[in-house]
Protein backbone atom coordinates (compact mmCIF):
# COMPACT_ATOMS: atom_id res chain seq x y z
CA MET A 1 -54.69 -47.94 319.75
CA LYS A 2 -51.26 -46.64 320.70
CA ILE A 3 -50.25 -43.02 320.11
CA ALA A 4 -46.67 -41.77 320.41
CA VAL A 5 -46.31 -38.28 321.87
CA ALA A 6 -43.20 -36.14 321.92
CA SER A 7 -42.31 -32.52 322.50
CA ASP A 8 -39.52 -30.09 323.02
CA HIS A 9 -39.51 -27.72 325.99
CA GLY A 10 -41.91 -25.31 324.26
CA GLY A 11 -44.49 -28.05 323.91
CA PHE A 12 -43.90 -29.88 327.18
CA ALA A 13 -46.89 -28.47 329.11
CA LEU A 14 -49.29 -29.13 326.24
CA LYS A 15 -47.88 -32.65 325.79
CA GLU A 16 -48.65 -33.41 329.42
CA GLY A 17 -52.25 -32.22 328.93
CA ILE A 18 -52.52 -34.26 325.72
CA LYS A 19 -51.46 -37.38 327.62
CA GLU A 20 -54.29 -36.83 330.11
CA PHE A 21 -56.78 -36.37 327.28
CA LEU A 22 -55.62 -39.50 325.47
CA ALA A 23 -55.72 -41.53 328.68
CA SER A 24 -59.30 -40.37 329.28
CA ARG A 25 -60.18 -41.91 325.91
CA GLY A 26 -58.48 -45.18 326.76
CA VAL A 27 -55.62 -44.63 324.33
CA GLU A 28 -52.27 -46.29 325.07
CA ILE A 29 -49.50 -43.68 325.15
CA ALA A 30 -45.82 -43.89 324.33
CA ASP A 31 -44.21 -40.75 325.80
CA LEU A 32 -40.97 -40.17 323.91
CA GLY A 33 -39.99 -37.05 325.83
CA THR A 34 -38.90 -34.50 326.63
CA HIS A 35 -39.72 -34.90 330.30
CA THR A 36 -38.91 -31.40 331.57
CA GLU A 37 -39.07 -27.79 330.44
CA GLN A 38 -35.29 -27.61 330.09
CA PRO A 39 -34.31 -26.43 326.58
CA VAL A 40 -33.85 -29.22 324.02
CA ASP A 41 -33.79 -29.44 320.23
CA TYR A 42 -37.18 -30.05 318.60
CA PRO A 43 -35.83 -32.07 315.61
CA ILE A 44 -34.81 -34.88 317.97
CA TYR A 45 -38.36 -35.25 319.29
CA GLY A 46 -40.17 -34.78 315.98
CA LYS A 47 -37.97 -37.48 314.46
CA ALA A 48 -38.39 -39.86 317.41
CA CYS A 49 -42.18 -39.60 317.25
CA ALA A 50 -42.18 -40.07 313.47
CA GLU A 51 -39.92 -43.11 313.66
CA ALA A 52 -42.23 -44.73 316.21
CA VAL A 53 -45.11 -44.33 313.77
CA ALA A 54 -43.11 -45.32 310.67
CA THR A 55 -41.85 -48.53 312.28
CA GLY A 56 -45.30 -49.50 313.55
CA GLU A 57 -44.37 -49.10 317.22
CA ALA A 58 -47.29 -46.65 317.39
CA ASP A 59 -50.49 -46.33 315.37
CA GLY A 60 -50.16 -42.56 315.18
CA GLY A 61 -48.17 -39.71 316.63
CA ILE A 62 -48.58 -36.25 318.10
CA ALA A 63 -45.55 -33.97 318.18
CA VAL A 64 -45.50 -30.60 319.92
CA CYS A 65 -43.09 -27.68 319.89
CA GLY A 66 -43.66 -23.96 320.45
CA THR A 67 -45.57 -23.47 317.19
CA GLY A 68 -45.78 -26.99 315.79
CA ILE A 69 -43.88 -25.87 312.70
CA GLY A 70 -40.47 -27.26 313.61
CA VAL A 71 -41.66 -30.69 314.73
CA SER A 72 -43.86 -31.02 311.65
CA ILE A 73 -40.89 -30.32 309.39
CA ALA A 74 -38.75 -32.82 311.32
CA ALA A 75 -41.44 -35.51 311.32
CA ASN A 76 -42.10 -35.18 307.60
CA LYS A 77 -38.44 -35.97 306.88
CA VAL A 78 -39.15 -39.58 307.94
CA ARG A 79 -40.31 -41.79 305.06
CA GLY A 80 -43.95 -42.83 305.38
CA ILE A 81 -44.94 -39.97 307.65
CA ARG A 82 -47.74 -37.58 306.79
CA CYS A 83 -47.65 -35.10 309.66
CA ALA A 84 -50.20 -32.29 309.57
CA LEU A 85 -49.88 -29.09 311.57
CA CYS A 86 -53.50 -28.42 312.52
CA THR A 87 -54.87 -25.36 314.25
CA ASP A 88 -58.52 -26.40 314.34
CA ALA A 89 -60.74 -29.47 314.14
CA HIS A 90 -61.72 -28.82 310.54
CA MET A 91 -58.09 -29.02 309.46
CA ALA A 92 -57.66 -32.23 311.48
CA ALA A 93 -60.68 -33.83 309.83
CA LEU A 94 -59.47 -32.96 306.34
CA ALA A 95 -55.92 -34.03 307.14
CA LYS A 96 -57.20 -37.50 308.04
CA ARG A 97 -59.96 -37.75 305.42
CA HIS A 98 -57.94 -36.56 302.44
CA ASN A 99 -54.27 -37.04 303.39
CA ASN A 100 -54.50 -39.99 305.79
CA ALA A 101 -52.34 -37.98 308.21
CA ASN A 102 -50.68 -40.43 310.57
CA MET A 103 -49.30 -37.67 312.78
CA LEU A 104 -50.43 -34.35 314.15
CA ALA A 105 -48.21 -31.41 315.01
CA LEU A 106 -49.43 -28.84 317.53
CA GLY A 107 -48.05 -25.64 319.00
CA GLY A 108 -47.61 -25.49 322.75
CA ARG A 109 -47.38 -21.70 322.67
CA THR A 110 -50.26 -21.25 320.22
CA THR A 111 -52.83 -23.91 321.15
CA GLY A 112 -54.54 -24.43 324.50
CA ILE A 113 -55.43 -27.85 325.82
CA GLU A 114 -59.16 -27.45 325.09
CA LYS A 115 -58.49 -26.66 321.44
CA ALA A 116 -55.83 -29.40 321.26
CA ALA A 117 -58.32 -31.95 322.66
CA GLU A 118 -60.88 -30.93 320.05
CA ILE A 119 -58.29 -31.25 317.26
CA ILE A 120 -56.98 -34.60 318.50
CA GLY A 121 -60.43 -36.04 319.13
CA THR A 122 -61.52 -35.14 315.61
CA TRP A 123 -58.33 -36.62 314.12
CA LEU A 124 -58.77 -39.85 316.07
CA ASP A 125 -62.45 -40.18 315.16
CA THR A 126 -62.12 -39.40 311.44
CA GLU A 127 -61.55 -42.11 308.85
CA PHE A 128 -59.49 -41.83 305.67
CA GLU A 129 -61.82 -41.63 302.66
CA GLY A 130 -59.51 -43.43 300.24
CA GLY A 131 -60.90 -43.30 296.71
CA ARG A 132 -59.51 -40.39 294.72
CA HIS A 133 -57.33 -39.43 297.68
CA GLN A 134 -55.48 -42.76 297.75
CA ARG A 135 -53.55 -41.97 294.57
CA ARG A 136 -52.27 -38.74 296.10
CA VAL A 137 -51.33 -40.39 299.39
CA ASP A 138 -49.46 -43.04 297.41
CA MET A 139 -47.60 -40.26 295.61
CA LEU A 140 -46.62 -38.72 298.95
CA ASP A 141 -45.42 -42.08 300.24
CA GLU A 142 -43.23 -42.56 297.16
CA MET A 143 -41.40 -39.25 297.69
């Protein structure tokens, strides 16, 4: 499994911790930047992560900015992306089970690495239920 990760400066520190967590699980990582804490524009990184997922370069994506809000908005502009801003593991499980979320958005200034690891681990380990949810996911993908 390959996961694309990207962040702006507000999410840089959390992104680095996420990379360590993913590596500990044997996940291949595509780090799409940013690579420093110098100020950058979050839409660039949310879009880059989403495009990696949408084109199949990555199996999923995790985008991080200060709150996760900006990168989630940017990512969801890319056709085929279902990026969920999750603040706990329950949200991550439902995002995957019901919405087949192919990306997560997290907040570097609102979520610590322990909580992020719990959220990401749950998202990675949860399967999409399909069934009645498939029709709704198809509707999202047609938008």
